């Protein structure tokens, strides 16, 4: 049986949360910037620290997306995690409630589009 990898991820501002959240993944997901090697289907536990919350969110998930370091369009290397635990609906709701609707990221998500766009 494969071992679950624990990743600590700190999101420091609302723009980063908007860019990390992947609403198009079933049950919700996050893009985690990393240079570490993962495979599709790897089990992940994310210890997510959001500066706008006092307590960390512990998220069970699996790797459903991989963006390599040498990807086109200067995107961040990392992995997309699909929420899979019994609390995935609650986690998704909590994260969506923290998204800043006034920050327009134009559909951009880390790992998918040019990271320079977030500064425009």
PDB file of N, CA and C in Angstrom:
ATOM      1  N   UNK A   1       0.843  -1.190   0.000  1.00  0.00           N
ATOM      2  CA  UNK A   1       0.000   0.000   0.000  1.00  0.00           C
ATOM      3  C   UNK A   1       0.885   1.249   0.000  1.00  0.00           C
ATOM      4  N   UNK A   2       0.544   2.198  -0.818  1.00  0.00           N
ATOM      5  CA  UNK A   2       1.349   3.419  -0.955  1.00  0.00           C
ATOM      6  C   UNK A   2       1.227   4.279   0.300  1.00  0.00           C
ATOM      7  N   UNK A   3       2.325   4.896   0.642  1.00  0.00           N
ATOM      8  CA  UNK A   3       2.368   5.779   1.800  1.00  0.00           C
ATOM      9  C   UNK A   3       1.807   7.148   1.424  1.00  0.00           C
ATOM     10  N   UNK A   4       1.130   7.784   2.371  1.00  0.00           N
ATOM     11  CA  UNK A   4       0.593   9.121   2.150  1.00  0.00           C
ATOM     12  C   UNK A   4       1.671  10.150   2.455  1.00  0.00           C
ATOM     13  N   UNK A   5       1.880  11.082   1.546  1.00  0.00           N
ATOM     14  CA  UNK A   5       2.842  12.161   1.726  1.00  0.00           C
ATOM     15  C   UNK A   5       2.147  13.351   2.353  1.00  0.00           C
ATOM     16  N   UNK A   6       2.784  13.957   3.348  1.00  0.00           N
ATOM     17  CA  UNK A   6       2.246  15.155   3.982  1.00  0.00           C
ATOM     18  C   UNK A   6       2.974  16.371   3.420  1.00  0.00           C
ATOM     19  N   UNK A   7       2.212  17.357   2.971  1.00  0.00           N
ATOM     20  CA  UNK A   7       2.769  18.598   2.441  1.00  0.00           C
ATOM     21  C   UNK A   7       2.264  19.750   3.291  1.00  0.00           C
ATOM     22  N   UNK A   8       3.174  20.574   3.760  1.00  0.00           N
ATOM     23  CA  UNK A   8       2.799  21.806   4.450  1.00  0.00           C
ATOM     24  C   UNK A   8       2.729  22.908   3.409  1.00  0.00           C
ATOM     25  N   UNK A   9       1.606  23.593   3.346  1.00  0.00           N
ATOM     26  CA  UNK A   9       1.426  24.665   2.368  1.00  0.00           C
ATOM     27  C   UNK A   9       0.876  25.881   3.103  1.00  0.00           C
ATOM     28  N   UNK A  10       1.576  26.991   2.976  1.00  0.00           N
ATOM     29  CA  UNK A  10       1.178  28.244   3.610  1.00  0.00           C
ATOM     30  C   UNK A  10       0.733  29.203   2.517  1.00  0.00           C
ATOM     31  N   UNK A  11      -0.488  29.699   2.628  1.00  0.00           N
ATOM     32  CA  UNK A  11      -1.000  30.699   1.691  1.00  0.00           C
ATOM     33  C   UNK A  11      -1.018  32.026   2.430  1.00  0.00           C
ATOM     34  N   UNK A  12      -0.271  32.975   1.868  1.00  0.00           N
ATOM     35  CA  UNK A  12      -0.014  34.217   2.586  1.00  0.00           C
ATOM     36  C   UNK A  12      -0.953  35.365   2.251  1.00  0.00           C
ATOM     37  N   UNK A  13      -1.669  35.284   1.137  1.00  0.00           N
ATOM     38  CA  UNK A  13      -2.563  36.393   0.797  1.00  0.00           C
ATOM     39  C   UNK A  13      -3.728  35.908  -0.068  1.00  0.00           C
ATOM     40  N   UNK A  14      -4.780  36.708  -0.171  1.00  0.00           N
ATOM     41  CA  UNK A  14      -5.977  36.307  -0.921  1.00  0.00           C
ATOM     42  C   UNK A  14      -5.714  36.027  -2.397  1.00  0.00           C
ATOM     43  N   UNK A  15      -4.798  36.753  -3.028  1.00  0.00           N
ATOM     44  CA  UNK A  15      -4.511  36.501  -4.443  1.00  0.00           C
ATOM     45  C   UNK A  15      -3.942  35.092  -4.608  1.00  0.00           C
ATOM     46  N   UNK A  16      -3.042  34.711  -3.717  1.00  0.00           N
ATOM     47  CA  UNK A  16      -2.448  33.376  -3.782  1.00  0.00           C
ATOM     48  C   UNK A  16      -3.512  32.291  -3.606  1.00  0.00           C
ATOM     49  N   UNK A  17      -4.459  32.513  -2.690  1.00  0.00           N
ATOM     50  CA  UNK A  17      -5.535  31.539  -2.512  1.00  0.00           C
ATOM     51  C   UNK A  17      -6.376  31.438  -3.780  1.00  0.00           C
ATOM     52  N   UNK A  18      -6.736  32.578  -4.354  1.00  0.00           N
ATOM     53  CA  UNK A  18      -7.524  32.566  -5.595  1.00  0.00           C
ATOM     54  C   UNK A  18      -6.785  31.830  -6.710  1.00  0.00           C
ATOM     55  N   UNK A  19      -5.469  32.007  -6.784  1.00  0.00           N
ATOM     56  CA  UNK A  19      -4.688  31.363  -7.832  1.00  0.00           C
ATOM     57  C   UNK A  19      -4.453  29.877  -7.558  1.00  0.00           C
ATOM     58  N   UNK A  20      -4.444  29.483  -6.297  1.00  0.00           N
ATOM     59  CA  UNK A  20      -4.184  28.091  -5.941  1.00  0.00           C
ATOM     60  C   UNK A  20      -5.427  27.209  -6.034  1.00  0.00           C
ATOM     61  N   UNK A  21      -6.598  27.794  -5.803  1.00  0.00           N
ATOM     62  CA  UNK A  21      -7.827  27.002  -5.786  1.00  0.00           C
ATOM     63  C   UNK A  21      -8.184  26.544  -7.198  1.00  0.00           C
ATOM     64  N   UNK A  22      -8.584  25.272  -7.315  1.00  0.00           N
ATOM     65  CA  UNK A  22      -8.934  24.682  -8.606  1.00  0.00           C
ATOM     66  C   UNK A  22     -10.394  24.214  -8.554  1.00  0.00           C
ATOM     67  N   UNK A  23     -11.343  25.131  -8.842  1.00  0.00           N
ATOM     68  CA  UNK A  23     -12.766  24.803  -8.709  1.00  0.00           C
ATOM     69  C   UNK A  23     -13.260  23.799  -9.745  1.00  0.00           C
ATOM     70  N   UNK A  24     -12.523  23.629 -10.827  1.00  0.00           N
ATOM     71  CA  UNK A  24     -12.956  22.740 -11.904  1.00  0.00           C
ATOM     72  C   UNK A  24     -12.654  21.276 -11.615  1.00  0.00           C
ATOM     73  N   UNK A  25     -11.972  20.978 -10.497  1.00  0.00           N
ATOM     74  CA  UNK A  25     -11.701  19.596 -10.110  1.00  0.00           C
ATOM     75  C   UNK A  25     -12.871  19.102  -9.260  1.00  0.00           C
ATOM     76  N   UNK A  26     -13.372  17.910  -9.559  1.00  0.00           N
ATOM     77  CA  UNK A  26     -14.474  17.326  -8.808  1.00  0.00           C
ATOM     78  C   UNK A  26     -14.137  17.316  -7.317  1.00  0.00           C
ATOM     79  N   UNK A  27     -15.036  17.795  -6.500  1.00  0.00           N
ATOM     80  CA  UNK A  27     -14.889  17.944  -5.040  1.00  0.00           C
ATOM     81  C   UNK A  27     -13.941  19.070  -4.648  1.00  0.00           C
ATOM     82  N   UNK A  28     -13.413  19.804  -5.612  1.00  0.00           N
ATOM     83  CA  UNK A  28     -12.492  20.904  -5.331  1.00  0.00           C
ATOM     84  C   UNK A  28     -11.060  20.429  -5.282  1.00  0.00           C
ATOM     85  N   UNK A  29     -10.155  21.371  -5.419  1.00  0.00           N
ATOM     86  CA  UNK A  29      -8.741  21.024  -5.388  1.00  0.00           C
ATOM     87  C   UNK A  29      -7.878  22.252  -5.220  1.00  0.00           C
ATOM     88  N   UNK A  30      -6.612  22.003  -4.977  1.00  0.00           N
ATOM     89  CA  UNK A  30      -5.616  23.063  -4.832  1.00  0.00           C
ATOM     90  C   UNK A  30      -4.402  22.731  -5.668  1.00  0.00           C
ATOM     91  N   UNK A  31      -3.797  23.761  -6.207  1.00  0.00           N
ATOM     92  CA  UNK A  31      -2.496  23.605  -6.842  1.00  0.00           C
ATOM     93  C   UNK A  31      -1.439  23.914  -5.791  1.00  0.00           C
ATOM     94  N   UNK A  32      -0.503  22.998  -5.605  1.00  0.00           N
ATOM     95  CA  UNK A  32       0.554  23.147  -4.615  1.00  0.00           C
ATOM     96  C   UNK A  32       1.878  23.315  -5.360  1.00  0.00           C
ATOM     97  N   UNK A  33       2.490  24.500  -5.296  1.00  0.00           N
ATOM     98  CA  UNK A  33       3.790  24.679  -5.940  1.00  0.00           C
ATOM     99  C   UNK A  33       4.842  23.788  -5.267  1.00  0.00           C
ATOM    100  N   UNK A  34       5.528  22.982  -6.041  1.00  0.00           N
ATOM    101  CA  UNK A  34       6.585  22.117  -5.515  1.00  0.00           C
ATOM    102  C   UNK A  34       7.475  21.631  -6.660  1.00  0.00           C
ATOM    103  N   UNK A  35       8.722  21.404  -6.337  1.00  0.00           N
ATOM    104  CA  UNK A  35       9.651  20.792  -7.283  1.00  0.00           C
ATOM    105  C   UNK A  35       9.807  19.299  -7.002  1.00  0.00           C
ATOM    106  N   UNK A  36       9.141  18.799  -5.953  1.00  0.00           N
ATOM    107  CA  UNK A  36       9.233  17.386  -5.597  1.00  0.00           C
ATOM    108  C   UNK A  36       8.542  16.533  -6.648  1.00  0.00           C
ATOM    109  N   UNK A  37       8.963  15.268  -6.754  1.00  0.00           N
ATOM    110  CA  UNK A  37       8.411  14.354  -7.742  1.00  0.00           C
ATOM    111  C   UNK A  37       7.196  13.626  -7.181  1.00  0.00           C
ATOM    112  N   UNK A  38       6.110  13.641  -7.932  1.00  0.00           N
ATOM    113  CA  UNK A  38       4.900  12.908  -7.594  1.00  0.00           C
ATOM    114  C   UNK A  38       4.373  12.241  -8.847  1.00  0.00           C
ATOM    115  N   UNK A  39       3.507  11.263  -8.657  1.00  0.00           N
ATOM    116  CA  UNK A  39       2.838  10.588  -9.763  1.00  0.00           C
ATOM    117  C   UNK A  39       1.335  10.787  -9.634  1.00  0.00           C
ATOM    118  N   UNK A  40       0.642  10.725 -10.750  1.00  0.00           N
ATOM    119  CA  UNK A  40      -0.815  10.799 -10.736  1.00  0.00           C
ATOM    120  C   UNK A  40      -1.331   9.678  -9.835  1.00  0.00           C
ATOM    121  N   UNK A  41      -2.266  10.030  -8.962  1.00  0.00           N
ATOM    122  CA  UNK A  41      -2.858   9.051  -8.062  1.00  0.00           C
ATOM    123  C   UNK A  41      -2.197   8.970  -6.698  1.00  0.00           C
ATOM    124  N   UNK A  42      -1.020   9.590  -6.522  1.00  0.00           N
ATOM    125  CA  UNK A  42      -0.373   9.577  -5.207  1.00  0.00           C
ATOM    126  C   UNK A  42      -1.294  10.184  -4.168  1.00  0.00           C
ATOM    127  N   UNK A  43      -1.327   9.551  -2.996  1.00  0.00           N
ATOM    128  CA  UNK A  43      -2.137  10.075  -1.890  1.00  0.00           C
ATOM    129  C   UNK A  43      -1.344  11.164  -1.173  1.00  0.00           C
ATOM    130  N   UNK A  44      -2.038  12.254  -0.880  1.00  0.00           N
ATOM    131  CA  UNK A  44      -1.416  13.427  -0.274  1.00  0.00           C
ATOM    132  C   UNK A  44      -2.270  13.881   0.901  1.00  0.00           C
ATOM    133  N   UNK A  45      -1.615  14.344   1.934  1.00  0.00           N
ATOM    134  CA  UNK A  45      -2.314  15.052   3.005  1.00  0.00           C
ATOM    135  C   UNK A  45      -1.709  16.446   3.057  1.00  0.00           C
ATOM    136  N   UNK A  46      -2.555  17.456   2.953  1.00  0.00           N
ATOM    137  CA  UNK A  46      -2.088  18.841   2.953  1.00  0.00           C
ATOM    138  C   UNK A  46      -2.398  19.448   4.315  1.00  0.00           C
ATOM    139  N   UNK A  47      -1.367  19.988   4.932  1.00  0.00           N
ATOM    140  CA  UNK A  47      -1.524  20.761   6.156  1.00  0.00           C
ATOM    141  C   UNK A  47      -1.516  22.216   5.689  1.00  0.00           C
ATOM    142  N   UNK A  48      -2.715  22.759   5.460  1.00  0.00           N
ATOM    143  CA  UNK A  48      -2.867  24.069   4.837  1.00  0.00           C
ATOM    144  C   UNK A  48      -3.004  25.155   5.892  1.00  0.00           C
ATOM    145  N   UNK A  49      -2.065  26.081   5.860  1.00  0.00           N
ATOM    146  CA  UNK A  49      -2.120  27.235   6.760  1.00  0.00           C
ATOM    147  C   UNK A  49      -2.533  28.455   5.954  1.00  0.00           C
ATOM    148  N   UNK A  50      -3.662  29.022   6.327  1.00  0.00           N
ATOM    149  CA  UNK A  50      -4.164  30.239   5.684  1.00  0.00           C
ATOM    150  C   UNK A  50      -4.022  31.364   6.688  1.00  0.00           C
ATOM    151  N   UNK A  51      -3.366  32.445   6.304  1.00  0.00           N
ATOM    152  CA  UNK A  51      -3.131  33.521   7.248  1.00  0.00           C
ATOM    153  C   UNK A  51      -4.416  34.185   7.711  1.00  0.00           C
ATOM    154  N   UNK A  52      -5.518  33.946   6.978  1.00  0.00           N
ATOM    155  CA  UNK A  52      -6.783  34.536   7.383  1.00  0.00           C
ATOM    156  C   UNK A  52      -7.575  33.619   8.325  1.00  0.00           C
ATOM    157  N   UNK A  53      -6.989  32.459   8.687  1.00  0.00           N
ATOM    158  CA  UNK A  53      -7.631  31.532   9.634  1.00  0.00           C
ATOM    159  C   UNK A  53      -6.651  31.180  10.752  1.00  0.00           C
ATOM    160  N   UNK A  54      -7.194  30.946  11.930  1.00  0.00           N
ATOM    161  CA  UNK A  54      -6.347  30.605  13.074  1.00  0.00           C
ATOM    162  C   UNK A  54      -5.885  29.155  13.032  1.00  0.00           C
ATOM    163  N   UNK A  55      -6.763  28.264  12.600  1.00  0.00           N
ATOM    164  CA  UNK A  55      -6.438  26.840  12.592  1.00  0.00           C
ATOM    165  C   UNK A  55      -6.118  26.371  11.178  1.00  0.00           C
ATOM    166  N   UNK A  56      -5.149  25.455  11.086  1.00  0.00           N
ATOM    167  CA  UNK A  56      -4.813  24.864   9.798  1.00  0.00           C
ATOM    168  C   UNK A  56      -5.930  23.934   9.340  1.00  0.00           C
ATOM    169  N   UNK A  57      -6.056  23.784   8.023  1.00  0.00           N
ATOM    170  CA  UNK A  57      -6.974  22.809   7.443  1.00  0.00           C
ATOM    171  C   UNK A  57      -6.160  21.573   7.075  1.00  0.00           C
ATOM    172  N   UNK A  58      -6.616  20.410   7.518  1.00  0.00           N
ATOM    173  CA  UNK A  58      -5.973  19.153   7.123  1.00  0.00           C
ATOM    174  C   UNK A  58      -6.809  18.554   6.011  1.00  0.00           C
ATOM    175  N   UNK A  59      -6.203  18.412   4.839  1.00  0.00           N
ATOM    176  CA  UNK A  59      -6.933  18.016   3.641  1.00  0.00           C
ATOM    177  C   UNK A  59      -6.361  16.710   3.104  1.00  0.00           C
ATOM    178  N   UNK A  60      -7.225  15.714   2.948  1.00  0.00           N
ATOM    179  CA  UNK A  60      -6.828  14.480   2.273  1.00  0.00           C
ATOM    180  C   UNK A  60      -7.075  14.670   0.785  1.00  0.00           C
ATOM    181  N   UNK A  61      -6.150  14.157  -0.024  1.00  0.00           N
ATOM    182  CA  UNK A  61      -6.335  14.299  -1.450  1.00  0.00           C
ATOM    183  C   UNK A  61      -5.481  13.333  -2.239  1.00  0.00           C
ATOM    184  N   UNK A  62      -5.589  13.470  -3.536  1.00  0.00           N
ATOM    185  CA  UNK A  62      -4.740  12.685  -4.425  1.00  0.00           C
ATOM    186  C   UNK A  62      -4.285  13.581  -5.570  1.00  0.00           C
ATOM    187  N   UNK A  63      -3.136  13.242  -6.124  1.00  0.00           N
ATOM    188  CA  UNK A  63      -2.558  14.010  -7.223  1.00  0.00           C
ATOM    189  C   UNK A  63      -3.341  13.711  -8.498  1.00  0.00           C
ATOM    190  N   UNK A  64      -3.876  14.771  -9.113  1.00  0.00           N
ATOM    191  CA  UNK A  64      -4.617  14.621 -10.374  1.00  0.00           C
ATOM    192  C   UNK A  64      -4.019  15.497 -11.475  1.00  0.00           C
ATOM    193  N   UNK A  65      -2.994  16.271 -11.132  1.00  0.00           N
ATOM    194  CA  UNK A  65      -2.420  17.223 -12.075  1.00  0.00           C
ATOM    195  C   UNK A  65      -0.942  17.370 -11.754  1.00  0.00           C
ATOM    196  N   UNK A  66      -0.105  17.383 -12.759  1.00  0.00           N
ATOM    197  CA  UNK A  66       1.329  17.610 -12.553  1.00  0.00           C
ATOM    198  C   UNK A  66       1.802  18.638 -13.570  1.00  0.00           C
ATOM    199  N   UNK A  67       2.465  19.673 -13.083  1.00  0.00           N
ATOM    200  CA  UNK A  67       3.096  20.656 -13.957  1.00  0.00           C
ATOM    201  C   UNK A  67       4.595  20.589 -13.662  1.00  0.00           C
ATOM    202  N   UNK A  68       5.360  20.209 -14.656  1.00  0.00           N
ATOM    203  CA  UNK A  68       6.803  20.040 -14.461  1.00  0.00           C
ATOM    204  C   UNK A  68       7.535  21.377 -14.485  1.00  0.00           C
ATOM    205  N   UNK A  69       8.785  21.357 -14.024  1.00  0.00           N
ATOM    206  CA  UNK A  69       9.598  22.577 -13.972  1.00  0.00           C
ATOM    207  C   UNK A  69       9.818  23.183 -15.347  1.00  0.00           C
ATOM    208  N   UNK A  70       9.850  22.374 -16.374  1.00  0.00           N
ATOM    209  CA  UNK A  70      10.138  22.891 -17.710  1.00  0.00           C
ATOM    210  C   UNK A  70       8.880  23.051 -18.561  1.00  0.00           C
ATOM    211  N   UNK A  71       7.749  23.270 -17.914  1.00  0.00           N
ATOM    212  CA  UNK A  71       6.489  23.471 -18.640  1.00  0.00           C
ATOM    213  C   UNK A  71       6.533  24.783 -19.436  1.00  0.00           C
ATOM    214  N   UNK A  72       5.754  24.838 -20.480  1.00  0.00           N
ATOM    215  CA  UNK A  72       5.671  26.046 -21.301  1.00  0.00           C
ATOM    216  C   UNK A  72       4.998  27.182 -20.550  1.00  0.00           C
ATOM    217  N   UNK A  73       5.147  28.373 -21.035  1.00  0.00           N
ATOM    218  CA  UNK A  73       4.445  29.573 -20.565  1.00  0.00           C
ATOM    219  C   UNK A  73       4.821  30.004 -19.155  1.00  0.00           C
ATOM    220  N   UNK A  74       5.977  29.580 -18.667  1.00  0.00           N
ATOM    221  CA  UNK A  74       6.507  30.062 -17.384  1.00  0.00           C
ATOM    222  C   UNK A  74       5.578  29.801 -16.203  1.00  0.00           C
ATOM    223  N   UNK A  75       4.860  28.696 -16.229  1.00  0.00           N
ATOM    224  CA  UNK A  75       3.982  28.375 -15.107  1.00  0.00           C
ATOM    225  C   UNK A  75       4.794  27.811 -13.948  1.00  0.00           C
ATOM    226  N   UNK A  76       4.227  27.870 -12.760  1.00  0.00           N
ATOM    227  CA  UNK A  76       4.877  27.300 -11.590  1.00  0.00           C
ATOM    228  C   UNK A  76       4.856  25.780 -11.663  1.00  0.00           C
ATOM    229  N   UNK A  77       5.951  25.158 -11.264  1.00  0.00           N
ATOM    230  CA  UNK A  77       5.981  23.705 -11.144  1.00  0.00           C
ATOM    231  C   UNK A  77       5.185  23.309  -9.909  1.00  0.00           C
ATOM    232  N   UNK A  78       4.495  22.191  -9.992  1.00  0.00           N
ATOM    233  CA  UNK A  78       3.753  21.728  -8.834  1.00  0.00           C
ATOM    234  C   UNK A  78       2.741  20.661  -9.186  1.00  0.00           C
ATOM    235  N   UNK A  79       1.833  20.426  -8.242  1.00  0.00           N
ATOM    236  CA  UNK A  79       0.831  19.383  -8.401  1.00  0.00           C
ATOM    237  C   UNK A  79      -0.559  19.910  -8.079  1.00  0.00           C
ATOM    238  N   UNK A  80      -1.535  19.380  -8.770  1.00  0.00           N
ATOM    239  CA  UNK A  80      -2.929  19.660  -8.472  1.00  0.00           C
ATOM    240  C   UNK A  80      -3.478  18.515  -7.642  1.00  0.00           C
ATOM    241  N   UNK A  81      -4.090  18.864  -6.525  1.00  0.00           N
ATOM    242  CA  UNK A  81      -4.629  17.884  -5.589  1.00  0.00           C
ATOM    243  C   UNK A  81      -6.147  17.926  -5.621  1.00  0.00           C
ATOM    244  N   UNK A  82      -6.774  16.765  -5.772  1.00  0.00           N
ATOM    245  CA  UNK A  82      -8.226  16.653  -5.657  1.00  0.00           C
ATOM    246  C   UNK A  82      -8.558  16.288  -4.219  1.00  0.00           C
ATOM    247  N   UNK A  83      -9.501  17.003  -3.607  1.00  0.00           N
ATOM    248  CA  UNK A  83      -9.924  16.683  -2.252  1.00  0.00           C
ATOM    249  C   UNK A  83     -10.673  15.352  -2.264  1.00  0.00           C
ATOM    250  N   UNK A  84     -10.266  14.419  -1.378  1.00  0.00           N
ATOM    251  CA  UNK A  84     -10.867  13.087  -1.409  1.00  0.00           C
ATOM    252  C   UNK A  84     -11.394  12.605  -0.070  1.00  0.00           C
ATOM    253  N   UNK A  85     -11.062  13.247   1.008  1.00  0.00           N
ATOM    254  CA  UNK A  85     -11.451  12.759   2.329  1.00  0.00           C
ATOM    255  C   UNK A  85     -12.933  12.903   2.599  1.00  0.00           C
ATOM    256  N   UNK A  86     -13.364  12.333   3.730  1.00  0.00           N
ATOM    257  CA  UNK A  86     -14.768  12.425   4.149  1.00  0.00           C
ATOM    258  C   UNK A  86     -15.201  13.866   4.343  1.00  0.00           C
ATOM    259  N   UNK A  87     -14.247  14.750   4.608  1.00  0.00           N
ATOM    260  CA  UNK A  87     -14.567  16.162   4.839  1.00  0.00           C
ATOM    261  C   UNK A  87     -14.329  17.023   3.603  1.00  0.00           C
ATOM    262  N   UNK A  88     -14.225  16.414   2.425  1.00  0.00           N
ATOM    263  CA  UNK A  88     -13.887  17.184   1.214  1.00  0.00           C
ATOM    264  C   UNK A  88     -14.919  18.267   0.904  1.00  0.00           C
ATOM    265  N   UNK A  89     -16.199  17.995   1.132  1.00  0.00           N
ATOM    266  CA  UNK A  89     -17.231  19.000   0.875  1.00  0.00           C
ATOM    267  C   UNK A  89     -17.080  20.173   1.834  1.00  0.00           C
ATOM    268  N   UNK A  90     -16.790  19.869   3.097  1.00  0.00           N
ATOM    269  CA  UNK A  90     -16.600  20.921   4.100  1.00  0.00           C
ATOM    270  C   UNK A  90     -15.362  21.746   3.781  1.00  0.00           C
ATOM    271  N   UNK A  91     -14.272  21.070   3.420  1.00  0.00           N
ATOM    272  CA  UNK A  91     -13.018  21.769   3.074  1.00  0.00           C
ATOM    273  C   UNK A  91     -13.265  22.693   1.883  1.00  0.00           C
ATOM    274  N   UNK A  92     -13.927  22.156   0.857  1.00  0.00           N
ATOM    275  CA  UNK A  92     -14.209  22.970  -0.331  1.00  0.00           C
ATOM    276  C   UNK A  92     -15.019  24.210   0.051  1.00  0.00           C
ATOM    277  N   UNK A  93     -16.046  24.040   0.867  1.00  0.00           N
ATOM    278  CA  UNK A  93     -16.881  25.168   1.294  1.00  0.00           C
ATOM    279  C   UNK A  93     -16.075  26.195   2.085  1.00  0.00           C
ATOM    280  N   UNK A  94     -15.212  25.707   2.979  1.00  0.00           N
ATOM    281  CA  UNK A  94     -14.389  26.622   3.778  1.00  0.00           C
ATOM    282  C   UNK A  94     -13.462  27.439   2.893  1.00  0.00           C
ATOM    283  N   UNK A  95     -12.817  26.785   1.941  1.00  0.00           N
ATOM    284  CA  UNK A  95     -11.898  27.500   1.051  1.00  0.00           C
ATOM    285  C   UNK A  95     -12.670  28.476   0.175  1.00  0.00           C
ATOM    286  N   UNK A  96     -13.792  28.040  -0.388  1.00  0.00           N
ATOM    287  CA  UNK A  96     -14.586  28.932  -1.246  1.00  0.00           C
ATOM    288  C   UNK A  96     -15.082  30.151  -0.473  1.00  0.00           C
ATOM    289  N   UNK A  97     -15.369  29.982   0.811  1.00  0.00           N
ATOM    290  CA  UNK A  97     -15.823  31.130   1.607  1.00  0.00           C
ATOM    291  C   UNK A  97     -14.708  32.142   1.840  1.00  0.00           C
ATOM    292  N   UNK A  98     -13.463  31.710   1.697  1.00  0.00           N
ATOM    293  CA  UNK A  98     -12.318  32.596   1.901  1.00  0.00           C
ATOM    294  C   UNK A  98     -11.823  33.245   0.610  1.00  0.00           C
ATOM    295  N   UNK A  99     -12.321  32.775  -0.527  1.00  0.00           N
ATOM    296  CA  UNK A  99     -11.905  33.378  -1.799  1.00  0.00           C
ATOM    297  C   UNK A  99     -12.375  34.821  -1.844  1.00  0.00           C
ATOM    298  N   UNK A 100     -11.536  35.685  -2.339  1.00  0.00           N
ATOM    299  CA  UNK A 100     -11.872  37.105  -2.442  1.00  0.00           C
ATOM    300  C   UNK A 100     -12.476  37.354  -3.822  1.00  0.00           C
ATOM    301  N   UNK A 101     -13.788  37.513  -3.847  1.00  0.00           N
ATOM    302  CA  UNK A 101     -14.508  37.698  -5.115  1.00  0.00           C
ATOM    303  C   UNK A 101     -14.143  39.010  -5.812  1.00  0.00           C
ATOM    304  N   UNK A 102     -13.553  39.954  -5.067  1.00  0.00           N
ATOM    305  CA  UNK A 102     -13.182  41.235  -5.668  1.00  0.00           C
ATOM    306  C   UNK A 102     -11.855  41.146  -6.426  1.00  0.00           C
ATOM    307  N   UNK A 103     -11.136  40.050  -6.224  1.00  0.00           N
ATOM    308  CA  UNK A 103      -9.856  39.864  -6.915  1.00  0.00           C
ATOM    309  C   UNK A 103     -10.120  39.026  -8.155  1.00  0.00           C
ATOM    310  N   UNK A 104      -9.984  39.639  -9.303  1.00  0.00           N
ATOM    311  CA  UNK A 104     -10.235  38.946 -10.560  1.00  0.00           C
ATOM    312  C   UNK A 104      -8.931  38.337 -11.056  1.00  0.00           C
ATOM    313  N   UNK A 105      -8.883  36.998 -11.083  1.00  0.00           N
ATOM    314  CA  UNK A 105      -7.686  36.329 -11.595  1.00  0.00           C
ATOM    315  C   UNK A 105      -7.906  35.840 -13.025  1.00  0.00           C
ATOM    316  N   UNK A 106      -9.073  36.133 -13.580  1.00  0.00           N
ATOM    317  CA  UNK A 106      -9.342  35.859 -14.985  1.00  0.00           C
ATOM    318  C   UNK A 106      -9.210  34.406 -15.386  1.00  0.00           C
ATOM    319  N   UNK A 107      -9.537  33.501 -14.470  1.00  0.00           N
ATOM    320  CA  UNK A 107      -9.438  32.086 -14.783  1.00  0.00           C
ATOM    321  C   UNK A 107      -8.033  31.532 -14.636  1.00  0.00           C
ATOM    322  N   UNK A 108      -7.104  32.375 -14.222  1.00  0.00           N
ATOM    323  CA  UNK A 108      -5.733  31.908 -14.054  1.00  0.00           C
ATOM    324  C   UNK A 108      -5.610  31.053 -12.820  1.00  0.00           C
ATOM    325  N   UNK A 109      -4.850  30.005 -12.927  1.00  0.00           N
ATOM    326  CA  UNK A 109      -4.548  29.124 -11.811  1.00  0.00           C
ATOM    327  C   UNK A 109      -3.069  28.803 -11.870  1.00  0.00           C
ATOM    328  N   UNK A 110      -2.413  28.819 -10.727  1.00  0.00           N
ATOM    329  CA  UNK A 110      -1.003  28.410 -10.689  1.00  0.00           C
ATOM    330  C   UNK A 110      -0.852  27.082 -11.416  1.00  0.00           C
ATOM    331  N   UNK A 111       0.238  26.949 -12.134  1.00  0.00           N
ATOM    332  CA  UNK A 111       0.523  25.689 -12.791  1.00  0.00           C
ATOM    333  C   UNK A 111      -0.147  25.519 -14.136  1.00  0.00           C
ATOM    334  N   UNK A 112      -1.044  26.422 -14.485  1.00  0.00           N
ATOM    335  CA  UNK A 112      -1.762  26.299 -15.748  1.00  0.00           C
ATOM    336  C   UNK A 112      -1.454  27.471 -16.674  1.00  0.00           C
ATOM    337  N   UNK A 113      -1.304  28.649 -16.107  1.00  0.00           N
ATOM    338  CA  UNK A 113      -1.109  29.840 -16.925  1.00  0.00           C
ATOM    339  C   UNK A 113       0.096  30.633 -16.458  1.00  0.00           C
ATOM    340  N   UNK A 114       0.487  31.586 -17.219  1.00  0.00           N
ATOM    341  CA  UNK A 114       1.674  32.407 -16.967  1.00  0.00           C
ATOM    342  C   UNK A 114       1.581  33.080 -15.607  1.00  0.00           C
ATOM    343  N   UNK A 115       2.554  32.830 -14.735  1.00  0.00           N
ATOM    344  CA  UNK A 115       2.536  33.391 -13.396  1.00  0.00           C
ATOM    345  C   UNK A 115       2.717  34.900 -13.403  1.00  0.00           C
ATOM    346  N   UNK A 116       3.248  35.471 -14.484  1.00  0.00           N
ATOM    347  CA  UNK A 116       3.392  36.920 -14.559  1.00  0.00           C
ATOM    348  C   UNK A 116       2.030  37.621 -14.615  1.00  0.00           C
ATOM    349  N   UNK A 117       0.997  36.903 -15.003  1.00  0.00           N
ATOM    350  CA  UNK A 117      -0.326  37.508 -15.128  1.00  0.00           C
ATOM    351  C   UNK A 117      -0.871  37.994 -13.792  1.00  0.00           C
ATOM    352  N   UNK A 118      -0.482  37.358 -12.698  1.00  0.00           N
ATOM    353  CA  UNK A 118      -1.046  37.744 -11.398  1.00  0.00           C
ATOM    354  C   UNK A 118      -0.628  39.155 -10.985  1.00  0.00           C
ATOM    355  N   UNK A 119       0.419  39.667 -11.590  1.00  0.00           N
ATOM    356  CA  UNK A 119       0.903  40.996 -11.257  1.00  0.00           C
ATOM    357  C   UNK A 119       0.361  42.076 -12.181  1.00  0.00           C
ATOM    358  N   UNK A 120      -0.508  41.703 -13.097  1.00  0.00           N
ATOM    359  CA  UNK A 120      -1.021  42.684 -14.070  1.00  0.00           C
ATOM    360  C   UNK A 120      -2.347  43.225 -13.640  1.00  0.00           C
TER     361      UNK A 120
END
